[in-house]
């Protein structure tokens, strides 16, 4: 599978098989995140891998009742201490964490794994449950596993609604 194939076939997966993820696949997934580019390559993030079934169940209420969080064999919780802004004024934390997580999502697709980047969770509750030090801010909660269902394709805007060339000209 090439990168573009991974981009076009990737779906958010919300149903997982009970099959454990092989250690070599998990390490390859994590390596994709480690090798991702970032601001000054500070890598001020930490990924907590939640593999304990009871702990995953405990995360469900913190993830607003999304039961598939407990169903996935692994839940990745990404957090970071970096609260610096780049010279352009953009914060480092969401950009660096997003790049690393995006690289891992594409690698997961190649490995036959599914992921769902959650946007609906209580960062404070996840932090408390996993005993994450207070200097870290929880950025993402992402269940990972073998898909039980393929997920569904979501629509996208046409290119002409997303791109301008050279200067912003009204169409």
N, C-alpha and C. Protein backbone atom coordinates (compact mmCIF):
# COMPACT_ATOMS: atom_id res chain seq x y z
N UNK A 1 0.85 -1.18 0.00
CA UNK A 1 0.00 0.00 0.00
C UNK A 1 0.90 1.24 0.00
N UNK A 2 0.58 2.19 -0.87
CA UNK A 2 1.34 3.44 -0.84
C UNK A 2 0.60 4.46 0.03
N UNK A 3 1.24 5.59 0.28
CA UNK A 3 0.68 6.59 1.19
C UNK A 3 -0.68 7.09 0.70
N UNK A 4 -0.80 7.38 -0.58
CA UNK A 4 -2.08 7.89 -1.08
C UNK A 4 -3.19 6.87 -0.93
N UNK A 5 -2.87 5.59 -1.13
CA UNK A 5 -3.87 4.54 -0.90
C UNK A 5 -4.32 4.54 0.56
N UNK A 6 -3.37 4.69 1.48
CA UNK A 6 -3.72 4.74 2.91
C UNK A 6 -4.61 5.95 3.20
N UNK A 7 -4.32 7.07 2.57
CA UNK A 7 -5.12 8.28 2.76
C UNK A 7 -6.55 8.06 2.26
N UNK A 8 -6.69 7.45 1.10
CA UNK A 8 -8.02 7.31 0.50
C UNK A 8 -8.84 6.18 1.11
N UNK A 9 -8.20 5.18 1.72
CA UNK A 9 -8.96 4.06 2.28
C UNK A 9 -9.19 4.18 3.79
N UNK A 10 -8.47 5.06 4.46
CA UNK A 10 -8.60 5.21 5.91
C UNK A 10 -9.99 5.67 6.31
N UNK A 11 -10.51 5.07 7.35
CA UNK A 11 -11.82 5.42 7.91
C UNK A 11 -11.70 5.47 9.43
N UNK A 12 -12.56 6.23 10.08
CA UNK A 12 -12.63 6.20 11.53
C UNK A 12 -13.36 4.92 11.92
N UNK A 13 -12.72 4.11 12.74
CA UNK A 13 -13.27 2.82 13.14
C UNK A 13 -13.85 2.92 14.54
N UNK A 14 -15.09 2.49 14.67
CA UNK A 14 -15.78 2.56 15.96
C UNK A 14 -16.29 1.19 16.42
N UNK A 15 -15.70 0.14 15.87
CA UNK A 15 -16.03 -1.23 16.29
C UNK A 15 -14.79 -2.10 16.05
N UNK A 16 -14.36 -2.79 17.11
CA UNK A 16 -13.09 -3.52 17.05
C UNK A 16 -13.27 -4.99 17.38
N UNK A 17 -12.46 -5.82 16.73
CA UNK A 17 -12.39 -7.24 17.06
C UNK A 17 -11.60 -7.38 18.36
N UNK A 18 -11.80 -8.46 19.11
CA UNK A 18 -11.05 -8.66 20.35
C UNK A 18 -9.60 -9.11 20.13
N UNK A 19 -9.19 -9.20 18.88
CA UNK A 19 -7.85 -9.67 18.53
C UNK A 19 -6.78 -8.71 19.06
N UNK A 20 -5.80 -9.22 19.81
CA UNK A 20 -4.72 -8.34 20.27
C UNK A 20 -3.86 -7.86 19.09
N UNK A 21 -3.25 -6.70 19.26
CA UNK A 21 -2.34 -6.16 18.25
C UNK A 21 -0.96 -6.77 18.50
N UNK A 22 -0.36 -7.31 17.46
CA UNK A 22 0.97 -7.90 17.58
C UNK A 22 1.96 -6.81 17.99
N UNK A 23 2.90 -7.15 18.85
CA UNK A 23 3.88 -6.19 19.38
C UNK A 23 4.67 -5.52 18.26
N UNK A 24 5.04 -6.26 17.22
CA UNK A 24 5.82 -5.65 16.14
C UNK A 24 5.00 -4.61 15.38
N UNK A 25 3.69 -4.85 15.25
CA UNK A 25 2.83 -3.86 14.59
C UNK A 25 2.66 -2.63 15.48
N UNK A 26 2.49 -2.84 16.75
CA UNK A 26 2.35 -1.72 17.68
C UNK A 26 3.62 -0.86 17.69
N UNK A 27 4.76 -1.51 17.67
CA UNK A 27 6.03 -0.77 17.66
C UNK A 27 6.21 0.00 16.35
N UNK A 28 5.79 -0.58 15.24
CA UNK A 28 5.88 0.10 13.95
C UNK A 28 4.97 1.33 13.93
N UNK A 29 3.79 1.19 14.51
CA UNK A 29 2.84 2.29 14.62
C UNK A 29 3.46 3.44 15.44
N UNK A 30 4.04 3.09 16.58
CA UNK A 30 4.66 4.10 17.43
C UNK A 30 5.88 4.73 16.75
N UNK A 31 6.62 3.95 16.00
CA UNK A 31 7.79 4.47 15.29
C UNK A 31 7.38 5.51 14.24
N UNK A 32 6.22 5.30 13.61
CA UNK A 32 5.71 6.29 12.64
C UNK A 32 5.49 7.63 13.34
N UNK A 33 4.97 7.61 14.54
CA UNK A 33 4.78 8.84 15.30
C UNK A 33 6.08 9.45 15.75
N UNK A 34 7.03 8.62 16.15
CA UNK A 34 8.34 9.10 16.60
C UNK A 34 9.11 9.78 15.48
N UNK A 35 8.94 9.29 14.26
CA UNK A 35 9.67 9.83 13.11
C UNK A 35 8.98 11.03 12.46
N UNK A 36 7.80 11.37 12.92
CA UNK A 36 7.05 12.49 12.34
C UNK A 36 7.78 13.81 12.54
N UNK A 37 7.65 14.73 11.59
CA UNK A 37 8.27 16.05 11.78
C UNK A 37 7.54 16.86 12.85
N UNK A 38 8.21 17.87 13.34
CA UNK A 38 7.61 18.73 14.35
C UNK A 38 8.43 19.99 14.52
N UNK A 39 7.88 20.94 15.27
CA UNK A 39 8.56 22.21 15.51
C UNK A 39 9.87 21.95 16.27
N UNK A 40 10.97 22.27 15.65
CA UNK A 40 12.31 22.05 16.22
C UNK A 40 12.52 20.61 16.69
N UNK A 41 11.66 19.72 16.26
CA UNK A 41 11.69 18.31 16.64
C UNK A 41 11.91 18.15 18.16
N UNK A 42 11.14 18.92 18.91
CA UNK A 42 11.25 18.88 20.37
C UNK A 42 10.67 17.60 20.95
N UNK A 43 9.71 17.02 20.29
CA UNK A 43 9.06 15.78 20.72
C UNK A 43 8.68 15.84 22.21
N UNK A 44 7.96 16.88 22.58
CA UNK A 44 7.53 17.06 23.96
C UNK A 44 6.22 16.34 24.24
N UNK A 45 5.96 15.28 23.50
CA UNK A 45 4.75 14.52 23.74
C UNK A 45 5.07 13.19 24.40
N UNK A 46 4.06 12.61 25.00
CA UNK A 46 4.15 11.29 25.60
C UNK A 46 2.88 10.56 25.20
N UNK A 47 3.01 9.28 24.86
CA UNK A 47 1.86 8.47 24.50
C UNK A 47 1.68 7.41 25.58
N UNK A 48 0.52 7.42 26.20
CA UNK A 48 0.18 6.40 27.19
C UNK A 48 -0.61 5.32 26.45
N UNK A 49 -0.10 4.10 26.45
CA UNK A 49 -0.79 2.98 25.81
C UNK A 49 -1.61 2.27 26.87
N UNK A 50 -2.91 2.30 26.72
CA UNK A 50 -3.80 1.66 27.68
C UNK A 50 -4.21 0.31 27.11
N UNK A 51 -3.66 -0.75 27.70
CA UNK A 51 -3.94 -2.11 27.24
C UNK A 51 -4.75 -2.89 28.27
N UNK A 52 -4.78 -2.44 29.50
CA UNK A 52 -5.52 -3.12 30.56
C UNK A 52 -7.03 -2.99 30.31
N UNK A 53 -7.75 -4.11 30.16
CA UNK A 53 -9.18 -4.06 29.85
C UNK A 53 -10.00 -3.28 30.88
N UNK A 54 -9.69 -3.42 32.15
CA UNK A 54 -10.44 -2.72 33.19
C UNK A 54 -10.22 -1.21 33.11
N UNK A 55 -9.01 -0.82 32.81
CA UNK A 55 -8.69 0.60 32.68
C UNK A 55 -9.36 1.19 31.44
N UNK A 56 -9.42 0.41 30.35
CA UNK A 56 -10.13 0.88 29.15
C UNK A 56 -11.62 1.08 29.45
N UNK A 57 -12.21 0.16 30.23
CA UNK A 57 -13.62 0.32 30.63
C UNK A 57 -13.80 1.57 31.47
N UNK A 58 -12.83 1.85 32.31
CA UNK A 58 -12.91 3.03 33.16
C UNK A 58 -12.85 4.33 32.34
N UNK A 59 -12.21 4.26 31.17
CA UNK A 59 -12.13 5.44 30.30
C UNK A 59 -13.45 5.76 29.59
N UNK A 60 -14.34 4.78 29.46
CA UNK A 60 -15.58 4.98 28.70
C UNK A 60 -16.38 6.18 29.20
N UNK A 61 -16.66 6.32 30.50
CA UNK A 61 -17.40 7.51 30.95
C UNK A 61 -16.65 8.81 30.67
N UNK A 62 -15.33 8.79 30.78
CA UNK A 62 -14.53 9.98 30.47
C UNK A 62 -14.59 10.31 28.98
N UNK A 63 -14.92 9.30 28.17
CA UNK A 63 -15.07 9.47 26.73
C UNK A 63 -16.55 9.53 26.35
N UNK A 64 -17.34 10.08 27.25
CA UNK A 64 -18.76 10.37 27.02
C UNK A 64 -19.57 9.15 26.58
N UNK A 65 -19.24 7.99 27.17
CA UNK A 65 -20.03 6.78 26.92
C UNK A 65 -19.74 6.08 25.62
N UNK A 66 -18.67 6.40 24.96
CA UNK A 66 -18.33 5.74 23.69
C UNK A 66 -17.75 4.35 24.01
N UNK A 67 -18.61 3.34 23.97
CA UNK A 67 -18.26 1.99 24.41
C UNK A 67 -17.12 1.36 23.62
N UNK A 68 -16.93 1.77 22.39
CA UNK A 68 -15.87 1.16 21.58
C UNK A 68 -14.48 1.47 22.14
N UNK A 69 -14.38 2.44 23.05
CA UNK A 69 -13.09 2.72 23.71
C UNK A 69 -12.66 1.49 24.50
N UNK A 70 -13.59 0.84 25.17
CA UNK A 70 -13.26 -0.37 25.94
C UNK A 70 -13.08 -1.58 25.03
N UNK A 71 -13.68 -1.54 23.86
CA UNK A 71 -13.65 -2.66 22.91
C UNK A 71 -12.28 -2.78 22.23
N UNK A 72 -11.62 -1.67 21.97
CA UNK A 72 -10.32 -1.68 21.28
C UNK A 72 -9.27 -2.30 22.19
N UNK A 73 -8.36 -3.11 21.64
CA UNK A 73 -7.32 -3.73 22.48
C UNK A 73 -6.30 -2.72 23.03
N UNK A 74 -6.18 -1.57 22.37
CA UNK A 74 -5.25 -0.53 22.81
C UNK A 74 -5.94 0.82 22.67
N UNK A 75 -5.75 1.68 23.66
CA UNK A 75 -6.17 3.06 23.54
C UNK A 75 -4.93 3.91 23.72
N UNK A 76 -4.65 4.74 22.72
CA UNK A 76 -3.50 5.65 22.79
C UNK A 76 -3.99 6.97 23.35
N UNK A 77 -3.31 7.46 24.37
CA UNK A 77 -3.62 8.77 24.92
C UNK A 77 -2.36 9.61 24.74
N UNK A 78 -2.47 10.63 23.90
CA UNK A 78 -1.32 11.49 23.63
C UNK A 78 -1.43 12.75 24.46
N UNK A 79 -0.33 13.09 25.11
CA UNK A 79 -0.30 14.31 25.91
C UNK A 79 1.04 15.00 25.69
N UNK A 80 1.09 16.26 26.08
CA UNK A 80 2.28 17.07 25.82
C UNK A 80 2.44 18.14 26.88
N UNK A 81 3.69 18.52 27.09
CA UNK A 81 4.00 19.61 28.02
C UNK A 81 4.26 20.91 27.28
N UNK A 82 4.34 20.87 25.97
CA UNK A 82 4.77 22.04 25.21
C UNK A 82 3.65 23.07 25.06
N UNK A 83 3.82 24.21 25.71
CA UNK A 83 2.83 25.28 25.56
C UNK A 83 3.42 26.50 24.84
N UNK A 84 4.52 26.26 24.13
CA UNK A 84 5.20 27.31 23.39
C UNK A 84 4.47 27.63 22.10
N UNK A 85 4.52 28.90 21.71
CA UNK A 85 4.03 29.32 20.40
C UNK A 85 5.21 29.47 19.46
N UNK A 86 5.01 29.09 18.21
CA UNK A 86 6.05 29.30 17.20
C UNK A 86 6.09 30.78 16.82
N UNK A 87 7.09 31.19 16.09
CA UNK A 87 7.24 32.58 15.67
C UNK A 87 6.00 33.05 14.89
N UNK A 88 5.37 32.16 14.16
CA UNK A 88 4.18 32.52 13.39
C UNK A 88 2.95 32.72 14.27
N UNK A 89 3.08 32.46 15.56
CA UNK A 89 1.98 32.67 16.48
C UNK A 89 1.14 31.43 16.76
N UNK A 90 1.41 30.34 16.07
CA UNK A 90 0.64 29.11 16.27
C UNK A 90 1.24 28.28 17.41
N UNK A 91 0.38 27.63 18.19
CA UNK A 91 0.89 26.81 19.30
C UNK A 91 1.52 25.51 18.80
N UNK A 92 2.60 25.12 19.45
CA UNK A 92 3.33 23.91 19.06
C UNK A 92 2.54 22.63 19.38
N UNK A 93 1.96 22.56 20.58
CA UNK A 93 1.34 21.30 21.05
C UNK A 93 0.36 20.70 20.06
N UNK A 94 -0.68 21.42 19.63
CA UNK A 94 -1.65 20.75 18.74
C UNK A 94 -1.06 20.41 17.38
N UNK A 95 -0.11 21.20 16.93
CA UNK A 95 0.48 20.93 15.61
C UNK A 95 1.37 19.70 15.68
N UNK A 96 2.31 19.66 16.62
CA UNK A 96 3.21 18.52 16.72
C UNK A 96 2.46 17.22 17.02
N UNK A 97 1.52 17.28 17.96
CA UNK A 97 0.76 16.07 18.29
C UNK A 97 -0.09 15.61 17.12
N UNK A 98 -0.67 16.56 16.38
CA UNK A 98 -1.50 16.20 15.21
C UNK A 98 -0.68 15.55 14.11
N UNK A 99 0.52 16.08 13.88
CA UNK A 99 1.37 15.49 12.84
C UNK A 99 1.73 14.05 13.23
N UNK A 100 2.18 13.85 14.46
CA UNK A 100 2.57 12.51 14.90
C UNK A 100 1.38 11.55 14.84
N UNK A 101 0.22 12.00 15.32
CA UNK A 101 -0.95 11.13 15.30
C UNK A 101 -1.39 10.82 13.87
N UNK A 102 -1.28 11.79 12.97
CA UNK A 102 -1.65 11.56 11.57
C UNK A 102 -0.73 10.53 10.92
N UNK A 103 0.56 10.61 11.21
CA UNK A 103 1.49 9.61 10.68
C UNK A 103 1.12 8.22 11.20
N UNK A 104 0.76 8.13 12.48
CA UNK A 104 0.38 6.84 13.05
C UNK A 104 -0.91 6.33 12.44
N UNK A 105 -1.84 7.21 12.15
CA UNK A 105 -3.11 6.78 11.53
C UNK A 105 -2.88 6.18 10.15
N UNK A 106 -1.99 6.78 9.39
CA UNK A 106 -1.70 6.25 8.05
C UNK A 106 -0.95 4.92 8.15
N UNK A 107 -0.04 4.81 9.10
CA UNK A 107 0.67 3.55 9.30
C UNK A 107 -0.31 2.46 9.75
N UNK A 108 -1.26 2.82 10.60
CA UNK A 108 -2.26 1.85 11.06
C UNK A 108 -3.03 1.29 9.86
N UNK A 109 -3.38 2.16 8.93
CA UNK A 109 -4.11 1.71 7.73
C UNK A 109 -3.29 0.69 6.96
N UNK A 110 -2.02 0.97 6.79
CA UNK A 110 -1.15 0.03 6.07
C UNK A 110 -1.03 -1.30 6.81
N UNK A 111 -1.07 -1.26 8.14
CA UNK A 111 -0.92 -2.48 8.95
C UNK A 111 -2.23 -3.25 9.12
N UNK A 112 -3.32 -2.72 8.55
CA UNK A 112 -4.61 -3.39 8.68
C UNK A 112 -5.31 -3.09 9.99
N UNK A 113 -4.85 -2.05 10.67
CA UNK A 113 -5.45 -1.63 11.94
C UNK A 113 -6.38 -0.45 11.70
N UNK A 114 -7.29 -0.26 12.62
CA UNK A 114 -8.19 0.89 12.55
C UNK A 114 -8.02 1.76 13.78
N UNK A 115 -8.32 3.03 13.61
CA UNK A 115 -8.23 4.00 14.70
C UNK A 115 -9.40 4.97 14.60
N UNK A 116 -9.69 5.62 15.71
CA UNK A 116 -10.69 6.68 15.71
C UNK A 116 -10.20 7.77 16.65
N UNK A 117 -9.85 8.91 16.08
CA UNK A 117 -9.36 10.05 16.85
C UNK A 117 -10.57 10.72 17.48
N UNK A 118 -10.69 10.59 18.79
CA UNK A 118 -11.86 11.11 19.49
C UNK A 118 -11.76 12.62 19.71
N UNK A 119 -12.88 13.27 19.58
CA UNK A 119 -12.96 14.69 19.88
C UNK A 119 -13.89 14.94 21.06
N UNK A 120 -14.49 13.87 21.55
CA UNK A 120 -15.49 14.00 22.60
C UNK A 120 -15.03 13.21 23.81
N UNK A 121 -14.30 13.87 24.70
CA UNK A 121 -13.82 13.26 25.94
C UNK A 121 -13.47 14.38 26.92
N UNK A 122 -13.41 14.01 28.18
CA UNK A 122 -12.99 14.95 29.22
C UNK A 122 -11.50 14.75 29.46
N UNK A 123 -10.70 15.71 29.03
CA UNK A 123 -9.25 15.60 29.20
C UNK A 123 -8.88 15.48 30.68
N UNK A 124 -9.59 16.21 31.51
CA UNK A 124 -9.30 16.18 32.95
C UNK A 124 -9.57 14.80 33.54
N UNK A 125 -10.68 14.18 33.12
CA UNK A 125 -11.01 12.84 33.63
C UNK A 125 -10.02 11.79 33.13
N UNK A 126 -9.66 11.87 31.86
CA UNK A 126 -8.67 10.93 31.31
C UNK A 126 -7.36 11.09 32.07
N UNK A 127 -6.96 12.32 32.31
CA UNK A 127 -5.72 12.61 33.03
C UNK A 127 -5.77 12.01 34.45
N UNK A 128 -6.90 12.18 35.12
CA UNK A 128 -7.05 11.64 36.48
C UNK A 128 -6.99 10.11 36.48
N UNK A 129 -7.75 9.48 35.59
CA UNK A 129 -7.82 8.01 35.54
C UNK A 129 -6.45 7.40 35.27
N UNK A 130 -5.70 8.00 34.35
CA UNK A 130 -4.40 7.44 33.96
C UNK A 130 -3.24 8.00 34.78
N UNK A 131 -3.56 8.85 35.75
CA UNK A 131 -2.55 9.43 36.64
C UNK A 131 -1.44 10.14 35.87
N UNK A 132 -1.85 10.88 34.85
CA UNK A 132 -0.91 11.65 34.04
C UNK A 132 -0.51 12.89 34.82
N UNK A 133 0.79 13.17 34.93
CA UNK A 133 1.24 14.34 35.69
C UNK A 133 0.59 15.63 35.20
N UNK A 134 0.35 16.56 36.13
CA UNK A 134 -0.40 17.77 35.79
C UNK A 134 0.33 18.69 34.83
N UNK A 135 1.65 18.56 34.67
CA UNK A 135 2.34 19.41 33.70
C UNK A 135 2.06 18.99 32.25
N UNK A 136 1.46 17.82 32.07
CA UNK A 136 1.06 17.36 30.74
C UNK A 136 -0.40 17.71 30.49
N UNK A 137 -0.71 18.03 29.24
CA UNK A 137 -2.09 18.28 28.84
C UNK A 137 -2.49 17.16 27.88
N UNK A 138 -3.63 16.52 28.16
CA UNK A 138 -4.12 15.45 27.29
C UNK A 138 -4.60 16.08 25.99
N UNK A 139 -4.07 15.58 24.90
CA UNK A 139 -4.38 16.13 23.58
C UNK A 139 -5.34 15.23 22.79
N UNK A 140 -5.11 13.92 22.85
CA UNK A 140 -5.90 13.00 22.02
C UNK A 140 -6.12 11.68 22.74
N UNK A 141 -7.29 11.09 22.49
CA UNK A 141 -7.61 9.74 22.91
C UNK A 141 -7.98 8.99 21.64
N UNK A 142 -7.26 7.89 21.37
CA UNK A 142 -7.42 7.20 20.10
C UNK A 142 -7.45 5.68 20.30
N UNK A 143 -8.63 5.05 20.23
CA UNK A 143 -8.69 3.59 20.26
C UNK A 143 -8.04 3.01 18.99
N UNK A 144 -7.37 1.86 19.16
CA UNK A 144 -6.67 1.21 18.05
C UNK A 144 -6.94 -0.29 18.10
N UNK A 145 -7.20 -0.88 16.94
CA UNK A 145 -7.37 -2.33 16.89
C UNK A 145 -7.75 -2.78 15.49
N UNK A 146 -8.05 -4.05 15.40
CA UNK A 146 -8.51 -4.60 14.12
C UNK A 146 -9.99 -4.28 13.96
N UNK A 147 -10.37 -3.68 12.83
CA UNK A 147 -11.77 -3.29 12.63
C UNK A 147 -12.71 -4.49 12.60
N UNK A 148 -13.82 -4.36 13.33
CA UNK A 148 -14.90 -5.36 13.25
C UNK A 148 -15.84 -4.99 12.11
N UNK A 149 -15.87 -3.70 11.78
CA UNK A 149 -16.67 -3.17 10.68
C UNK A 149 -15.79 -2.18 9.92
N UNK A 150 -16.08 -1.97 8.64
CA UNK A 150 -15.18 -1.14 7.83
C UNK A 150 -15.22 0.36 8.09
N UNK A 151 -16.19 0.86 8.82
CA UNK A 151 -16.32 2.31 8.94
C UNK A 151 -16.99 2.85 7.69
N UNK A 152 -17.38 4.10 7.73
CA UNK A 152 -18.05 4.65 6.55
C UNK A 152 -17.27 5.84 6.00
N UNK A 153 -17.40 6.00 4.70
CA UNK A 153 -16.74 7.10 4.01
C UNK A 153 -17.54 8.38 4.25
N UNK A 154 -16.84 9.44 4.58
CA UNK A 154 -17.51 10.73 4.77
C UNK A 154 -17.26 11.61 3.56
N UNK A 155 -18.21 12.48 3.27
CA UNK A 155 -18.07 13.33 2.10
C UNK A 155 -17.04 14.43 2.34
N UNK A 156 -16.48 14.93 1.28
CA UNK A 156 -15.49 16.00 1.33
C UNK A 156 -15.91 17.09 0.35
N UNK A 157 -15.52 18.31 0.65
CA UNK A 157 -15.79 19.43 -0.26
C UNK A 157 -14.97 19.26 -1.53
N UNK A 158 -15.46 19.84 -2.64
CA UNK A 158 -14.67 19.79 -3.87
C UNK A 158 -13.43 20.68 -3.73
N UNK A 159 -12.39 20.34 -4.46
CA UNK A 159 -11.11 21.03 -4.40
C UNK A 159 -11.25 22.54 -4.59
N UNK A 160 -12.10 22.97 -5.52
CA UNK A 160 -12.23 24.41 -5.80
C UNK A 160 -12.76 25.21 -4.61
N UNK A 161 -13.34 24.53 -3.63
CA UNK A 161 -13.79 25.22 -2.42
C UNK A 161 -12.69 25.29 -1.36
N UNK A 162 -11.58 24.64 -1.62
CA UNK A 162 -10.52 24.54 -0.62
C UNK A 162 -9.20 25.19 -1.02
N UNK A 163 -9.05 25.52 -2.30
CA UNK A 163 -7.73 25.96 -2.78
C UNK A 163 -7.84 27.28 -3.54
N UNK A 164 -6.89 28.15 -3.31
CA UNK A 164 -6.71 29.38 -4.08
C UNK A 164 -5.27 29.37 -4.59
N UNK A 165 -5.05 29.93 -5.76
CA UNK A 165 -3.70 29.99 -6.33
C UNK A 165 -3.19 31.42 -6.30
N UNK A 166 -2.01 31.58 -5.79
CA UNK A 166 -1.25 32.82 -5.74
C UNK A 166 -1.88 33.90 -4.85
N UNK A 167 -3.07 34.36 -5.14
CA UNK A 167 -3.75 35.35 -4.32
C UNK A 167 -5.18 34.90 -4.08
N UNK A 168 -5.76 35.42 -3.02
CA UNK A 168 -7.14 35.09 -2.70
C UNK A 168 -8.05 35.86 -3.65
N UNK A 169 -8.56 35.17 -4.62
CA UNK A 169 -9.48 35.80 -5.57
C UNK A 169 -10.83 35.13 -5.43
N UNK A 170 -11.86 35.95 -5.42
CA UNK A 170 -13.21 35.37 -5.36
C UNK A 170 -13.52 34.70 -6.67
N UNK A 171 -14.24 33.63 -6.59
CA UNK A 171 -14.61 32.88 -7.80
C UNK A 171 -15.90 33.39 -8.35
